[in-house]
Amino acid sequence: MRRIATARLRCRGLDVLQDAVGFIVSELLTNAILHSGTTTVSLTMVVQDGGLCLSVADGIPGVPPPVMKAAGTDAESGRGLALVDTLVKENGGVWGTSDAGAVTWCRLVIPPGDQL
């Protein structure tokens, strides 16, 4: 999905967001698969009002929504959402959850020179 998402961005002339989106998509999809217990996860990407909106849905409301946590120095996981938060903020965006935790979303600002 990471390759598909970044390829779609290239097709739309939004190369500037490829690295951030590639990581964000990978992290959000991985979290949905690992923590929801579902076998079906969807990714939506929409360009709208000067921003790129991403959402990952696992369809399982009520599962605790993803939260950032402090990972220990020896921990092999637990840093992904902190990195997502940083990348989203660096791109002028916001992220969160909706549908009782079934959807994790973010919105990144498309730089003015790259707007469609």
Protein backbone atom coordinates (compact mmCIF):
# COMPACT_ATOMS: atom_id res chain seq x y z
CA MET A 1 0.00 0.00 0.00
CA ARG A 2 2.91 2.31 0.65
CA ARG A 3 4.09 1.94 -2.95
CA ILE A 4 0.57 2.40 -4.31
CA ALA A 5 0.00 5.53 -2.22
CA THR A 6 3.29 7.14 -3.27
CA ALA A 7 2.70 6.21 -6.92
CA ARG A 8 -0.71 7.92 -6.78
CA LEU A 9 0.95 11.03 -5.39
CA ARG A 10 3.51 11.03 -8.22
CA CYS A 11 0.67 10.73 -10.77
CA ARG A 12 -1.00 13.78 -9.21
CA GLY A 13 2.23 15.81 -9.12
CA LEU A 14 2.44 15.68 -5.32
CA ASP A 15 5.94 14.24 -5.09
CA VAL A 16 6.71 16.63 -2.23
CA LEU A 17 4.51 14.55 0.10
CA GLN A 18 5.75 11.09 -0.93
CA ASP A 19 8.14 10.39 1.95
CA ALA A 20 5.78 11.55 4.69
CA VAL A 21 2.75 9.81 3.19
CA GLY A 22 4.67 6.59 2.59
CA PHE A 23 5.60 6.38 6.25
CA ILE A 24 2.19 7.49 7.55
CA VAL A 25 0.32 4.99 5.38
CA SER A 26 2.64 2.19 6.44
CA GLU A 27 2.29 3.00 10.13
CA LEU A 28 -1.48 3.50 10.18
CA LEU A 29 -2.18 0.36 8.15
CA THR A 30 0.18 -1.71 10.27
CA ASN A 31 -1.48 -0.47 13.47
CA ALA A 32 -4.94 -1.24 12.10
CA ILE A 33 -3.95 -4.77 11.15
CA LEU A 34 -2.04 -5.54 14.34
CA HIS A 35 -4.39 -4.01 16.89
CA SER A 36 -7.92 -4.37 15.53
CA GLY A 37 -8.06 -8.09 14.97
CA THR A 38 -9.72 -7.57 11.60
CA THR A 39 -8.65 -8.98 8.26
CA THR A 40 -10.08 -6.10 6.23
CA VAL A 41 -8.54 -2.64 6.30
CA SER A 42 -9.13 0.21 3.87
CA LEU A 43 -7.11 3.27 2.89
CA THR A 44 -8.66 6.41 1.44
CA MET A 45 -6.70 9.32 -0.03
CA VAL A 46 -8.52 12.50 -1.06
CA VAL A 47 -7.15 15.84 -2.26
CA GLN A 48 -9.49 18.54 -1.03
CA ASP A 49 -9.31 22.23 -0.11
CA GLY A 50 -5.52 22.50 -0.33
CA GLY A 51 -4.88 19.36 1.67
CA LEU A 52 -4.35 15.65 1.32
CA CYS A 53 -6.68 13.66 3.56
CA LEU A 54 -5.74 10.08 4.45
CA SER A 55 -7.91 7.68 6.41
CA VAL A 56 -7.40 4.10 7.44
CA ALA A 57 -10.48 2.18 8.54
CA ASP A 58 -10.49 -1.18 10.24
CA GLY A 59 -14.26 -1.33 10.72
CA ILE A 60 -13.97 -2.38 14.36
CA PRO A 61 -15.44 0.36 16.58
CA GLY A 62 -14.78 0.15 20.26
CA VAL A 63 -11.21 -1.09 19.98
CA PRO A 64 -9.15 1.42 21.93
CA PRO A 65 -8.07 4.16 19.52
CA PRO A 66 -4.36 4.51 18.82
CA VAL A 67 -2.50 6.68 21.28
CA MET A 68 1.07 7.84 21.38
CA LYS A 69 3.12 6.28 24.12
CA ALA A 70 6.64 6.67 25.35
CA ALA A 71 8.74 3.78 24.17
CA GLY A 72 11.63 2.60 26.29
CA THR A 73 15.12 2.93 24.89
CA ASP A 74 15.29 -0.83 24.31
CA ALA A 75 11.73 -1.17 22.95
CA GLU A 76 11.44 -2.58 19.44
CA SER A 77 8.11 -0.87 18.78
CA GLY A 78 5.95 1.94 20.10
CA ARG A 79 7.43 4.94 18.32
CA GLY A 80 5.35 4.92 15.15
CA LEU A 81 2.55 7.27 16.20
CA ALA A 82 5.03 9.78 17.60
CA LEU A 83 6.72 9.79 14.19
CA VAL A 84 3.33 10.11 12.46
CA ASP A 85 2.53 13.06 14.73
CA THR A 86 5.83 14.73 13.86
CA LEU A 87 5.43 14.20 10.10
CA VAL A 88 1.85 15.44 10.14
CA LYS A 89 2.80 18.57 12.08
CA GLU A 90 5.80 19.22 9.79
CA ASN A 91 3.33 19.22 6.90
CA GLY A 92 0.96 21.67 8.59
CA GLY A 93 -1.59 19.01 9.40
CA VAL A 94 -3.54 17.27 12.09
CA TRP A 95 -4.45 13.66 12.83
CA GLY A 96 -6.90 11.80 15.02
CA THR A 97 -9.44 9.03 15.23
CA SER A 98 -13.16 8.79 14.60
CA ASP A 99 -15.98 6.25 14.52
CA ALA A 100 -15.15 5.04 18.05
CA GLY A 101 -11.57 4.25 17.01
CA ALA A 102 -12.46 2.42 13.79
CA VAL A 103 -10.86 5.13 11.61
CA THR A 104 -7.53 6.87 12.01
CA TRP A 105 -7.10 9.87 9.76
CA CYS A 106 -4.77 12.74 9.00
CA ARG A 107 -4.76 15.84 6.85
CA LEU A 108 -1.56 17.24 5.38
CA VAL A 109 -1.34 20.68 3.81
CA ILE A 110 -0.26 20.66 0.17
CA PRO A 111 2.40 23.35 -0.28
CA PRO A 112 1.00 26.27 -2.34
CA GLY A 113 3.33 25.69 -5.30
CA ASP A 114 2.20 22.08 -5.54
CA GLN A 115 -1.56 22.65 -5.37
CA LEU A 116 -3.56 21.04 -8.16
